[in-house]
Structures are given as structure tokens and as C-alpha cells.
C-alpha atoms as a PDB file:
ATOM      1  CA  MET A   1      -5.527 -52.129  53.047  1.00  0.00           C
ATOM      2  CA  LEU A   2      -8.877 -53.534  51.856  1.00  0.00           C
ATOM      3  CA  ALA A   3      -9.192 -55.537  55.088  1.00  0.00           C
ATOM      4  CA  THR A   4      -8.803 -52.345  57.133  1.00  0.00           C
ATOM      5  CA  VAL A   5     -11.388 -50.522  55.033  1.00  0.00           C
ATOM      6  CA  ARG A   6     -13.828 -53.449  55.341  1.00  0.00           C
ATOM      7  CA  LYS A   7     -13.482 -53.400  59.113  1.00  0.00           C
ATOM      8  CA  VAL A   8     -14.140 -49.650  59.319  1.00  0.00           C
ATOM      9  CA  ILE A   9     -17.181 -49.817  57.025  1.00  0.00           C
ATOM     10  CA  LEU A  10     -18.778 -52.716  58.909  1.00  0.00           C
ATOM     11  CA  GLN A  11     -18.113 -51.041  62.270  1.00  0.00           C
ATOM     12  CA  ALA A  12     -19.694 -47.782  61.124  1.00  0.00           C
ATOM     13  CA  ASP A  13     -23.210 -49.232  60.977  1.00  0.00           C
ATOM     14  CA  PRO A  14     -24.268 -52.772  61.932  1.00  0.00           C
ATOM     15  CA  GLU A  15     -27.120 -52.599  59.374  1.00  0.00           C
ATOM     16  CA  ILE A  16     -24.702 -52.395  56.441  1.00  0.00           C
ATOM     17  CA  ILE A  17     -24.819 -55.386  54.109  1.00  0.00           C
ATOM     18  CA  GLU A  18     -21.634 -56.636  52.504  1.00  0.00           C
ATOM     19  CA  GLU A  19     -21.887 -58.562  49.248  1.00  0.00           C
ATOM     20  CA  TRP A  20     -19.237 -59.799  46.857  1.00  0.00           C
ATOM     21  CA  LYS A  21     -20.291 -58.985  43.304  1.00  0.00           C
ATOM     22  CA  TYR A  22     -18.904 -58.179  39.918  1.00  0.00           C
ATOM     23  CA  MET A  23     -16.267 -60.919  39.808  1.00  0.00           C
ATOM     24  CA  GLY A  24     -15.114 -60.529  43.406  1.00  0.00           C
ATOM     25  CA  THR A  25     -15.750 -56.850  44.097  1.00  0.00           C
ATOM     26  CA  PRO A  26     -17.063 -56.049  47.576  1.00  0.00           C
ATOM     27  CA  ARG A  27     -20.214 -53.895  47.657  1.00  0.00           C
ATOM     28  CA  TRP A  28     -21.556 -52.345  50.832  1.00  0.00           C
ATOM     29  CA  SER A  29     -25.157 -51.198  51.002  1.00  0.00           C
ATOM     30  CA  ARG A  30     -27.913 -50.001  53.235  1.00  0.00           C
ATOM     31  CA  ASP A  31     -31.134 -48.951  51.491  1.00  0.00           C
ATOM     32  CA  GLY A  32     -29.008 -48.711  48.337  1.00  0.00           C
ATOM     33  CA  THR A  33     -25.353 -48.873  47.395  1.00  0.00           C
ATOM     34  CA  ILE A  34     -22.988 -47.023  49.729  1.00  0.00           C
ATOM     35  CA  CYS A  35     -19.714 -47.896  48.030  1.00  0.00           C
ATOM     36  CA  ILE A  36     -17.760 -50.566  46.229  1.00  0.00           C
ATOM     37  CA  GLY A  37     -14.126 -51.514  46.754  1.00  0.00           C
ATOM     38  CA  ASN A  38     -11.609 -52.420  44.104  1.00  0.00           C
ATOM     39  CA  ALA A  39      -8.134 -53.757  44.785  1.00  0.00           C
ATOM     40  CA  HIS A  40      -5.730 -52.604  42.088  1.00  0.00           C
ATOM     41  CA  LYS A  41      -2.033 -53.348  41.667  1.00  0.00           C
ATOM     42  CA  ASP A  42      -0.960 -50.124  43.383  1.00  0.00           C
ATOM     43  CA  LYS A  43      -4.043 -49.008  45.327  1.00  0.00           C
ATOM     44  CA  VAL A  44      -7.442 -49.754  46.820  1.00  0.00           C
ATOM     45  CA  LYS A  45     -10.244 -47.666  45.342  1.00  0.00           C
ATOM     46  CA  LEU A  46     -13.444 -47.004  47.280  1.00  0.00           C
ATOM     47  CA  THR A  47     -16.097 -45.643  44.954  1.00  0.00           C
ATOM     48  CA  PHE A  48     -19.167 -44.018  46.510  1.00  0.00           C
ATOM     49  CA  ALA A  49     -22.339 -44.268  44.433  1.00  0.00           C
ATOM     50  CA  HIS A  50     -23.687 -40.868  45.508  1.00  0.00           C
ATOM     51  CA  GLY A  51     -20.436 -39.288  46.607  1.00  0.00           C
ATOM     52  CA  ALA A  52     -21.094 -35.987  44.841  1.00  0.00           C
ATOM     53  CA  GLY A  53     -24.019 -35.367  47.183  1.00  0.00           C
ATOM     54  CA  LEU A  54     -22.174 -36.199  50.394  1.00  0.00           C
ATOM     55  CA  PRO A  55     -20.424 -33.809  52.743  1.00  0.00           C
ATOM     56  CA  ASP A  56     -16.670 -34.414  52.805  1.00  0.00           C
ATOM     57  CA  PRO A  57     -15.238 -31.967  55.371  1.00  0.00           C
ATOM     58  CA  ASP A  58     -12.160 -34.148  55.901  1.00  0.00           C
ATOM     59  CA  LYS A  59     -11.388 -34.165  52.151  1.00  0.00           C
ATOM     60  CA  LEU A  60     -11.242 -37.955  51.816  1.00  0.00           C
ATOM     61  CA  PHE A  61     -12.420 -37.933  48.204  1.00  0.00           C
ATOM     62  CA  ASN A  62      -9.423 -37.655  45.900  1.00  0.00           C
ATOM     63  CA  ASN A  63     -10.729 -39.072  42.624  1.00  0.00           C
ATOM     64  CA  GLY A  64     -13.770 -38.509  40.414  1.00  0.00           C
ATOM     65  CA  LEU A  65     -14.162 -34.980  41.717  1.00  0.00           C
ATOM     66  CA  GLY A  66     -15.551 -33.649  38.435  1.00  0.00           C
ATOM     67  CA  GLY A  67     -18.388 -36.178  38.161  1.00  0.00           C
ATOM     68  CA  LYS A  68     -22.047 -35.496  38.835  1.00  0.00           C
ATOM     69  CA  GLU A  69     -22.704 -38.597  40.939  1.00  0.00           C
ATOM     70  CA  TRP A  70     -19.727 -40.766  41.906  1.00  0.00           C
ATOM     71  CA  ARG A  71     -16.716 -39.892  44.042  1.00  0.00           C
ATOM     72  CA  ALA A  72     -13.797 -42.126  44.983  1.00  0.00           C
ATOM     73  CA  ILE A  73     -11.050 -42.493  47.547  1.00  0.00           C
ATOM     74  CA  ASP A  74      -7.782 -43.937  46.261  1.00  0.00           C
ATOM     75  CA  LEU A  75      -5.706 -45.457  49.051  1.00  0.00           C
ATOM     76  CA  PHE A  76      -2.108 -46.297  48.210  1.00  0.00           C
ATOM     77  CA  GLU A  77       0.274 -48.588  50.058  1.00  0.00           C
ATOM     78  CA  GLY A  78       1.532 -46.785  53.128  1.00  0.00           C
ATOM     79  CA  ASP A  79      -1.485 -44.448  53.343  1.00  0.00           C
ATOM     80  CA  ARG A  80      -3.058 -44.173  56.764  1.00  0.00           C
ATOM     81  CA  VAL A  81      -6.837 -44.661  56.816  1.00  0.00           C
ATOM     82  CA  ASN A  82      -8.601 -41.862  58.698  1.00  0.00           C
ATOM     83  CA  GLU A  83     -11.077 -44.230  60.365  1.00  0.00           C
ATOM     84  CA  ARG A  84     -13.120 -41.513  62.061  1.00  0.00           C
ATOM     85  CA  ALA A  85     -13.601 -39.561  58.838  1.00  0.00           C
ATOM     86  CA  LEU A  86     -14.357 -42.706  56.812  1.00  0.00           C
ATOM     87  CA  LYS A  87     -17.018 -43.769  59.323  1.00  0.00           C
ATOM     88  CA  LYS A  88     -18.618 -40.311  59.082  1.00  0.00           C
ATOM     89  CA  LEU A  89     -18.652 -40.580  55.302  1.00  0.00           C
ATOM     90  CA  ILE A  90     -20.166 -44.088  55.415  1.00  0.00           C
ATOM     91  CA  LEU A  91     -22.895 -42.900  57.796  1.00  0.00           C
ATOM     92  CA  ALA A  92     -23.603 -39.892  55.562  1.00  0.00           C
ATOM     93  CA  ALA A  93     -23.941 -42.211  52.550  1.00  0.00           C
ATOM     94  CA  ALA A  94     -26.369 -44.485  54.428  1.00  0.00           C
ATOM     95  CA  ALA A  95     -28.396 -41.435  55.535  1.00  0.00           C
ATOM     96  CA  HIS A  96     -28.453 -40.199  51.925  1.00  0.00           C
ATOM     97  CA  ASN A  97     -29.842 -43.564  50.792  1.00  0.00           C
ATOM     98  CA  ARG A  98     -32.546 -43.535  53.493  1.00  0.00           C
ATOM     99  CA  ALA A  99     -33.556 -39.983  52.550  1.00  0.00           C
ATOM    100  CA  GLU A 100     -33.816 -40.960  48.880  1.00  0.00           C
ATOM    101  CA  LEU A 101     -35.914 -43.983  49.827  1.00  0.00           C
ATOM    102  CA  LYS A 102     -38.294 -41.814  51.884  1.00  0.00           C
ATOM    103  CA  ARG A 103     -38.457 -39.218  49.133  1.00  0.00           C
ATOM    104  CA  LYS A 104     -39.496 -41.844  46.587  1.00  0.00           C
ATOM    105  CA  LYS A 105     -41.899 -43.704  48.882  1.00  0.00           C
ATOM    106  CA  PRO A 106     -44.778 -41.181  48.904  1.00  0.00           C
ATOM    107  CA  ALA A 107     -45.147 -41.462  45.111  1.00  0.00           C
ATOM    108  CA  THR A 108     -45.657 -45.215  45.462  1.00  0.00           C
ATOM    109  CA  ALA A 109     -48.092 -44.733  48.328  1.00  0.00           C
ATOM    110  CA  ARG A 110     -50.104 -42.227  46.275  1.00  0.00           C
ATOM    111  CA  ALA A 111     -50.309 -44.606  43.345  1.00  0.00           C
ATOM    112  CA  SER A 112     -51.740 -47.411  45.472  1.00  0.00           C
ATOM    113  CA  ARG A 113     -54.416 -45.323  47.250  1.00  0.00           C
ATOM    114  CA  PRO A 114     -58.001 -46.135  46.258  1.00  0.00           C
ATOM    115  CA  LYS A 115     -59.727 -43.429  44.268  1.00  0.00           C
ATOM    116  CA  ALA A 116     -62.388 -41.358  46.001  1.00  0.00           C
ATOM    117  CA  ARG A 117     -65.946 -42.033  44.911  1.00  0.00           C
ATOM    118  CA  LYS A 118     -67.945 -39.317  43.272  1.00  0.00           C
ATOM    119  CA  LYS A 119     -71.289 -38.537  44.885  1.00  0.00           C
END
């Protein structure tokens, strides 16, 4: 199951970076964390860092629905991965990260501008 999810995530956007962190947990990012994957005894859990702010028209999120930031998809043995919907969600998460990066960038640019001289 995790192998299928990995393939879908990496196909969604060639700019996505895959790292193995936290004692063997895969983390996918682009301009910030998109999601992490955890293999459990009975399921694979994909946890999206900013899932609460992402559109989910295909209702993939099925865990963490009450949280303010994170959302998760629990995939159990025998579940079919909706590849099209997962790719859309991955792309939305990457777009969210880019928008946050752009939103924060002007503050940094303002701080580094030279001060105007008084005449």
C-alpha cells in the first residue's frame, strides 16, 4: 500500500522531495511539508501538514477531521487508492505551501530594504 502511495505522490509533481525521517518515516515536501506516511500494523496513514486548509472534494480525508491544521487519510488493506483524487490533493498541498512562502516573503524583503535618507 505504501509503495502505491509513494508512486502516486512522486508522479503528481516531479519537484516533490522525498526524505526518510523520524526513524524511517517517509516525508514528502515542496516548499514545506506536504505529508508524511506511516505504516501501521493494519493501515497506512498519510498525514497532511496543512490538510485543514486544503480542498477535499473527493472526501479522501477520513481522520483528524476535527483538528485545526492536520488531516489524515487512513488506508486499510484491500482499500483502493483513488490515484486521481490523491494527485489533486498533493498538488493542492504543494500550491498551499508555495502560497504561504510567497505570503511570508514580502515581510523578509521589507526588513532587508535600506532605509530612506532624510533630507
